[in-house]
């Protein structure tokens, strides 16, 4: 079992989501507790190498793993999600 933590930015992004999307993201966070046995997690490439993403509909959750800790970095809509 992994411990799941949200960065301050991810927590702020989570609170601005519509309630229905918050519920779906919460289910993703619960799934992440079972890391590395999580289906649908894709490793990212390029500048984001070392991070992973999970999706639920049009929303994405970006995270990386440090030991037994999953650190969620960003939560948001797919439009422009990977651009800074």
C-alpha atoms as a PDB file:
ATOM      1  CA  UNK A   1       0.000   0.000   0.000  1.00  0.00           C
ATOM      2  CA  UNK A   2       1.198   3.463  -0.877  1.00  0.00           C
ATOM      3  CA  UNK A   3       0.592   6.719   0.886  1.00  0.00           C
ATOM      4  CA  UNK A   4      -1.004   9.362  -1.390  1.00  0.00           C
ATOM      5  CA  UNK A   5      -0.281  13.075  -0.877  1.00  0.00           C
ATOM      6  CA  UNK A   6      -1.355  16.139  -2.855  1.00  0.00           C
ATOM      7  CA  UNK A   7       0.901  19.146  -3.359  1.00  0.00           C
ATOM      8  CA  UNK A   8      -0.541  22.514  -2.343  1.00  0.00           C
ATOM      9  CA  UNK A   9      -1.124  23.298  -6.031  1.00  0.00           C
ATOM     10  CA  UNK A  10      -2.954  20.003  -6.606  1.00  0.00           C
ATOM     11  CA  UNK A  11      -5.106  20.569  -3.492  1.00  0.00           C
ATOM     12  CA  UNK A  12      -6.080  24.015  -4.766  1.00  0.00           C
ATOM     13  CA  UNK A  13      -6.875  22.620  -8.220  1.00  0.00           C
ATOM     14  CA  UNK A  14      -8.978  19.863  -6.633  1.00  0.00           C
ATOM     15  CA  UNK A  15     -11.130  22.350  -4.718  1.00  0.00           C
ATOM     16  CA  UNK A  16     -11.942  24.310  -7.899  1.00  0.00           C
ATOM     17  CA  UNK A  17     -13.261  21.239  -9.733  1.00  0.00           C
ATOM     18  CA  UNK A  18     -17.010  20.596 -10.103  1.00  0.00           C
ATOM     19  CA  UNK A  19     -18.341  18.255  -7.386  1.00  0.00           C
ATOM     20  CA  UNK A  20     -18.979  15.390  -9.820  1.00  0.00           C
ATOM     21  CA  UNK A  21     -15.384  15.564 -11.031  1.00  0.00           C
ATOM     22  CA  UNK A  22     -14.117  15.792  -7.432  1.00  0.00           C
ATOM     23  CA  UNK A  23     -15.851  12.475  -6.724  1.00  0.00           C
ATOM     24  CA  UNK A  24     -14.209  10.854  -9.748  1.00  0.00           C
ATOM     25  CA  UNK A  25     -10.774  12.216  -8.794  1.00  0.00           C
ATOM     26  CA  UNK A  26     -11.282  10.943  -5.232  1.00  0.00           C
ATOM     27  CA  UNK A  27     -11.819   7.454  -6.645  1.00  0.00           C
ATOM     28  CA  UNK A  28      -8.550   7.805  -8.610  1.00  0.00           C
ATOM     29  CA  UNK A  29      -6.747   8.815  -5.412  1.00  0.00           C
ATOM     30  CA  UNK A  30      -8.124   5.726  -3.679  1.00  0.00           C
ATOM     31  CA  UNK A  31      -6.877   3.573  -6.566  1.00  0.00           C
ATOM     32  CA  UNK A  32      -3.417   5.123  -6.233  1.00  0.00           C
ATOM     33  CA  UNK A  33      -3.169   3.745  -2.700  1.00  0.00           C
ATOM     34  CA  UNK A  34      -2.709   0.327  -4.344  1.00  0.00           C
ATOM     35  CA  UNK A  35       0.391   1.464  -6.264  1.00  0.00           C
ATOM     36  CA  UNK A  36       2.043  -0.222  -8.239  1.00  0.00           C
ATOM     37  CA  UNK A  37      -1.061  -2.340  -8.978  1.00  0.00           C
ATOM     38  CA  UNK A  38      -2.902   0.543 -10.678  1.00  0.00           C
ATOM     39  CA  UNK A  39      -4.336   0.047 -14.123  1.00  0.00           C
ATOM     40  CA  UNK A  40      -4.403   2.928 -16.579  1.00  0.00           C
ATOM     41  CA  UNK A  41      -1.352   4.802 -15.244  1.00  0.00           C
ATOM     42  CA  UNK A  42       0.815   5.956 -18.131  1.00  0.00           C
ATOM     43  CA  UNK A  43       4.403   7.130 -17.799  1.00  0.00           C
ATOM     44  CA  UNK A  44       5.016  10.592 -19.211  1.00  0.00           C
ATOM     45  CA  UNK A  45       7.874  11.457 -21.556  1.00  0.00           C
ATOM     46  CA  UNK A  46      10.076  14.413 -22.393  1.00  0.00           C
ATOM     47  CA  UNK A  47      10.292  17.137 -19.761  1.00  0.00           C
ATOM     48  CA  UNK A  48       7.782  15.232 -17.628  1.00  0.00           C
ATOM     49  CA  UNK A  49       9.724  11.953 -17.637  1.00  0.00           C
ATOM     50  CA  UNK A  50       9.549  10.257 -14.249  1.00  0.00           C
ATOM     51  CA  UNK A  51       5.929  11.283 -13.747  1.00  0.00           C
ATOM     52  CA  UNK A  52       2.751   9.378 -14.558  1.00  0.00           C
ATOM     53  CA  UNK A  53      -0.795  10.308 -15.413  1.00  0.00           C
ATOM     54  CA  UNK A  54      -4.219   8.858 -14.755  1.00  0.00           C
ATOM     55  CA  UNK A  55      -7.312  10.052 -16.522  1.00  0.00           C
ATOM     56  CA  UNK A  56     -10.986  10.167 -15.796  1.00  0.00           C
ATOM     57  CA  UNK A  57     -12.964  11.445 -18.745  1.00  0.00           C
ATOM     58  CA  UNK A  58     -11.486  14.793 -19.814  1.00  0.00           C
ATOM     59  CA  UNK A  59      -9.573  15.294 -16.549  1.00  0.00           C
ATOM     60  CA  UNK A  60      -6.016  14.288 -15.760  1.00  0.00           C
ATOM     61  CA  UNK A  61      -4.078  13.629 -12.598  1.00  0.00           C
ATOM     62  CA  UNK A  62      -0.265  13.911 -12.797  1.00  0.00           C
ATOM     63  CA  UNK A  63       1.860  12.226 -10.130  1.00  0.00           C
ATOM     64  CA  UNK A  64       5.233  10.752  -9.358  1.00  0.00           C
ATOM     65  CA  UNK A  65       6.317   8.026  -6.982  1.00  0.00           C
ATOM     66  CA  UNK A  66       8.990   8.298  -4.286  1.00  0.00           C
ATOM     67  CA  UNK A  67       9.424   5.030  -2.418  1.00  0.00           C
ATOM     68  CA  UNK A  68       6.036   4.159  -0.912  1.00  0.00           C
ATOM     69  CA  UNK A  69       4.648   7.658  -1.452  1.00  0.00           C
ATOM     70  CA  UNK A  70       2.594   8.809  -4.424  1.00  0.00           C
ATOM     71  CA  UNK A  71       2.807  12.584  -4.788  1.00  0.00           C
ATOM     72  CA  UNK A  72       0.027  14.130  -6.887  1.00  0.00           C
ATOM     73  CA  UNK A  73       1.420  17.216  -8.606  1.00  0.00           C
ATOM     74  CA  UNK A  74      -1.433  18.469 -10.784  1.00  0.00           C
ATOM     75  CA  UNK A  75      -5.142  17.902 -11.400  1.00  0.00           C
ATOM     76  CA  UNK A  76      -6.967  19.491 -14.305  1.00  0.00           C
ATOM     77  CA  UNK A  77      -8.779  19.430 -17.617  1.00  0.00           C
ATOM     78  CA  UNK A  78      -6.932  17.892 -20.539  1.00  0.00           C
ATOM     79  CA  UNK A  79      -6.903  21.172 -22.512  1.00  0.00           C
ATOM     80  CA  UNK A  80      -3.423  22.538 -21.949  1.00  0.00           C
ATOM     81  CA  UNK A  81      -2.760  20.150 -19.068  1.00  0.00           C
ATOM     82  CA  UNK A  82       0.762  19.270 -20.204  1.00  0.00           C
ATOM     83  CA  UNK A  83       1.758  22.828 -21.140  1.00  0.00           C
ATOM     84  CA  UNK A  84       3.329  25.234 -18.666  1.00  0.00           C
END
